[in-house]
Protein backbone atom coordinates (compact mmCIF):
# COMPACT_ATOMS: atom_id res chain seq x y z
CA MET A 1 55.76 -7.60 43.54
CA ILE A 2 57.10 -10.25 41.22
CA ASN A 3 58.81 -13.20 42.88
CA LYS A 4 59.64 -16.72 41.65
CA ASP A 5 56.96 -18.30 43.86
CA ASN A 6 54.14 -16.34 42.27
CA LYS A 7 51.85 -18.90 40.77
CA GLN A 8 49.45 -16.34 39.34
CA GLY A 9 50.17 -17.00 35.75
CA LYS A 10 52.42 -18.59 33.10
CA LEU A 11 54.87 -16.84 30.86
CA ILE A 12 55.04 -17.65 27.10
CA VAL A 13 58.23 -16.32 25.39
CA PHE A 14 58.55 -16.07 21.71
CA SER A 15 62.05 -15.03 20.46
CA ALA A 16 63.60 -14.96 17.07
CA PRO A 17 65.68 -12.94 14.72
CA SER A 18 63.83 -9.97 13.24
CA GLY A 19 61.73 -11.07 10.24
CA SER A 20 61.25 -14.78 11.44
CA GLY A 21 57.56 -14.19 11.97
CA LYS A 22 57.32 -14.36 15.69
CA THR A 23 55.12 -11.23 15.86
CA THR A 24 52.64 -12.83 13.33
CA ILE A 25 52.43 -15.92 15.59
CA VAL A 26 51.95 -14.10 18.73
CA ARG A 27 49.06 -11.92 17.23
CA HIS A 28 47.48 -15.15 16.11
CA LEU A 29 47.75 -16.71 19.64
CA LEU A 30 46.17 -13.60 21.16
CA LYS A 31 43.11 -13.97 19.28
CA LEU A 32 42.49 -17.29 20.80
CA GLU A 33 40.44 -16.50 23.94
CA ASP A 34 40.60 -19.96 25.37
CA LEU A 35 44.45 -19.50 25.86
CA ASN A 36 43.81 -16.44 28.30
CA LEU A 37 46.75 -14.62 27.08
CA GLU A 38 47.78 -10.89 27.44
CA PHE A 39 50.56 -9.24 25.48
CA SER A 40 53.56 -7.99 27.51
CA ILE A 41 54.19 -4.53 26.05
CA SER A 42 58.05 -3.89 25.94
CA ALA A 43 59.67 -0.72 26.76
CA THR A 44 62.11 0.70 24.11
CA SER A 45 64.31 3.76 23.60
CA ARG A 46 64.05 3.52 19.86
CA GLU A 47 61.98 5.85 17.82
CA LYS A 48 58.42 4.96 16.74
CA ARG A 49 58.00 3.32 13.39
CA GLY A 50 55.04 3.97 11.11
CA LYS A 51 51.81 4.02 13.01
CA GLU A 52 53.15 2.61 16.36
CA ILE A 53 51.25 3.92 19.38
CA ASP A 54 52.90 4.45 22.92
CA LYS A 55 51.56 2.11 25.48
CA LYS A 56 50.00 -0.07 22.82
CA ASP A 57 52.91 -1.27 20.71
CA TYR A 58 55.68 -0.28 23.19
CA TYR A 59 56.30 1.97 26.14
CA PHE A 60 58.37 4.63 24.23
CA LEU A 61 61.12 5.98 26.56
CA SER A 62 64.09 8.26 26.02
CA ALA A 63 67.54 6.55 26.39
CA LYS A 64 67.90 8.55 29.59
CA GLU A 65 64.48 7.52 30.95
CA PHE A 66 65.29 3.96 30.14
CA LYS A 67 68.77 4.21 31.93
CA ASN A 68 67.09 5.62 35.03
CA LYS A 69 64.68 2.74 35.15
CA ILE A 70 67.56 0.30 34.77
CA LYS A 71 69.31 2.11 37.74
CA ASN A 72 65.96 1.77 39.79
CA ASP A 73 65.76 -2.02 39.09
CA GLU A 74 62.37 -1.53 37.35
CA PHE A 75 63.01 -4.11 34.62
CA LEU A 76 62.51 -7.95 34.64
CA GLU A 77 64.92 -8.09 31.75
CA TRP A 78 66.47 -5.55 29.47
CA GLU A 79 68.97 -5.41 26.73
CA GLU A 80 70.95 -2.84 24.79
CA VAL A 81 70.17 -4.32 21.31
CA TYR A 82 72.10 -1.66 19.35
CA ARG A 83 73.94 1.34 20.79
CA ASP A 84 71.68 3.47 22.77
CA ASN A 85 68.79 1.38 21.53
CA PHE A 86 67.32 -0.31 24.53
CA TYR A 87 64.51 -2.87 24.88
CA GLY A 88 63.09 -4.47 28.11
CA THR A 89 60.23 -5.67 30.08
CA LEU A 90 59.01 -3.61 32.94
CA LYS A 91 58.11 -5.53 36.15
CA THR A 92 54.92 -3.44 36.37
CA GLU A 93 53.79 -4.75 33.02
CA VAL A 94 53.98 -8.37 34.21
CA GLU A 95 52.33 -7.55 37.47
CA ARG A 96 49.56 -5.73 35.38
CA ILE A 97 48.74 -8.81 33.35
CA TRP A 98 48.82 -11.16 36.33
CA SER A 99 46.50 -8.99 38.21
CA LEU A 100 44.00 -9.57 35.36
CA GLY A 101 44.42 -13.29 35.98
CA LYS A 102 45.97 -13.95 32.51
CA ASN A 103 49.03 -15.50 31.32
CA VAL A 104 51.78 -13.35 29.80
CA ILE A 105 52.97 -13.70 26.18
CA PHE A 106 56.14 -11.99 25.10
CA ASP A 107 57.52 -11.15 21.67
CA ILE A 108 61.15 -10.34 22.69
CA ASP A 109 64.70 -10.71 21.65
CA VAL A 110 66.70 -13.82 22.23
CA SER A 111 68.64 -12.41 25.33
CA GLY A 112 65.53 -11.23 27.12
CA GLY A 113 63.62 -14.39 26.33
CA LEU A 114 66.43 -16.55 27.92
CA ARG A 115 66.74 -14.18 30.95
CA ILE A 116 63.01 -14.77 31.70
CA LYS A 117 63.32 -18.43 31.20
CA ARG A 118 66.35 -18.46 33.82
CA LYS A 119 64.27 -16.42 36.19
CA PHE A 120 61.08 -18.42 36.05
CA PRO A 121 62.16 -21.81 34.77
CA ASP A 122 58.96 -23.67 35.74
CA GLN A 123 56.53 -20.95 34.70
CA THR A 124 58.04 -20.24 31.33
CA LEU A 125 57.71 -21.89 27.94
CA ALA A 126 60.40 -20.40 25.71
CA ILE A 127 59.89 -20.78 21.91
CA PHE A 128 62.44 -19.93 19.28
CA VAL A 129 60.99 -19.17 15.90
CA LYS A 130 63.51 -20.00 13.17
CA PRO A 131 63.43 -18.57 9.65
CA PRO A 132 63.95 -21.10 6.92
CA SER A 133 67.16 -19.44 5.90
CA ILE A 134 69.26 -16.11 6.28
CA ASP A 135 68.46 -15.30 2.65
CA GLU A 136 64.70 -15.62 3.21
CA LEU A 137 65.09 -13.50 6.41
CA LYS A 138 66.66 -10.77 4.34
CA ILE A 139 63.79 -10.97 1.85
CA ARG A 140 61.29 -10.57 4.65
CA LEU A 141 63.12 -7.64 6.14
CA LYS A 142 63.20 -5.74 2.80
CA LYS A 143 59.50 -6.47 2.24
CA ARG A 144 58.62 -4.60 5.44
CA LYS A 145 60.01 -1.39 3.94
CA THR A 146 60.49 0.07 7.44
CA GLU A 147 64.34 0.26 7.63
CA SER A 148 67.31 1.33 5.73
CA GLU A 149 69.72 -1.14 3.88
CA ASP A 150 72.21 -0.58 6.66
CA LYS A 151 69.70 -1.41 9.45
CA ILE A 152 68.67 -4.59 7.46
CA ASN A 153 72.27 -5.66 7.06
CA MET A 154 72.84 -5.08 10.85
CA ARG A 155 69.79 -7.27 11.61
CA VAL A 156 70.99 -10.07 9.34
CA ALA A 157 74.39 -10.07 10.79
CA LYS A 158 72.91 -10.26 14.37
CA ALA A 159 70.56 -13.04 13.30
CA SER A 160 73.47 -15.48 12.89
CA ALA A 161 74.36 -15.01 16.52
CA GLU A 162 70.70 -15.27 17.51
CA LEU A 163 70.32 -18.53 15.66
CA ALA A 164 73.08 -20.11 17.47
CA THR A 165 71.03 -19.65 20.80
CA ALA A 166 68.24 -21.68 19.36
CA PRO A 167 69.00 -24.90 21.23
CA LEU A 168 68.87 -23.06 24.55
CA PHE A 169 65.01 -22.71 24.22
CA ASP A 170 62.42 -25.27 25.16
CA VAL A 171 61.21 -25.64 21.56
CA ILE A 172 62.21 -24.52 18.15
CA ILE A 173 59.48 -23.75 15.43
CA VAL A 174 60.82 -23.49 11.81
CA ASN A 175 58.63 -20.91 10.15
CA ASP A 176 58.91 -21.98 6.59
CA ASN A 177 55.18 -22.42 6.24
CA LEU A 178 53.13 -20.05 8.28
CA GLU A 179 49.90 -22.01 8.59
CA SER A 180 51.97 -24.93 9.92
CA ALA A 181 53.99 -22.72 12.27
CA LEU A 182 50.60 -21.25 13.71
CA ARG A 183 49.26 -24.65 14.28
CA ASP A 184 52.46 -25.82 15.93
CA ALA A 185 52.59 -22.75 18.25
CA GLU A 186 48.96 -23.12 19.27
CA ALA A 187 49.39 -26.87 20.15
CA LEU A 188 52.61 -26.09 22.14
CA VAL A 189 51.01 -23.20 24.13
CA ASN A 190 47.89 -25.00 24.85
CA ASP A 191 49.71 -28.14 26.16
CA PHE A 192 51.90 -25.91 28.35
CA LEU A 193 49.04 -23.99 29.94
CA LYS A 194 47.21 -27.22 30.74
CA SER A 195 50.31 -28.73 32.41
């Protein structure tokens, strides 16, 4: 059972607007064995995209299943990101990773990241990945070719509100140069895990 006194592992949170590069950074850090990180697979009620795999990319749940798990207090954090489009972190997922003796790394939305930081203030490093500009963010989202123009516009509109939360995080990494952002993230995580 998760509790605040559990010293089993540390929590590394990466949050950012869609298209900022947080997933690329998280994937890079996961390849570094000396960091002893394991990816926290989020649950979602959205449809699979492209070649996504259940229990690898996300725990794909129906909106009804997701709401039942909320009712049963099975989430460490959750958010209704868009109408009937839920994302969250199952408590069992963090327990699974800690049972492996690893530190947990999250790639989650801003609200979820801040909730985890509030629940585990000393065990969590919360990093906000900032795009160089809203225009660049829109270009990156279009390059993905995974969503409609309407969805992209929704994400861009939401990004402004998310950017306003950046000062609430422990650290902000501006991703205007990927190599530099990867180096910064690596150094920050390494220092935090050693502290």
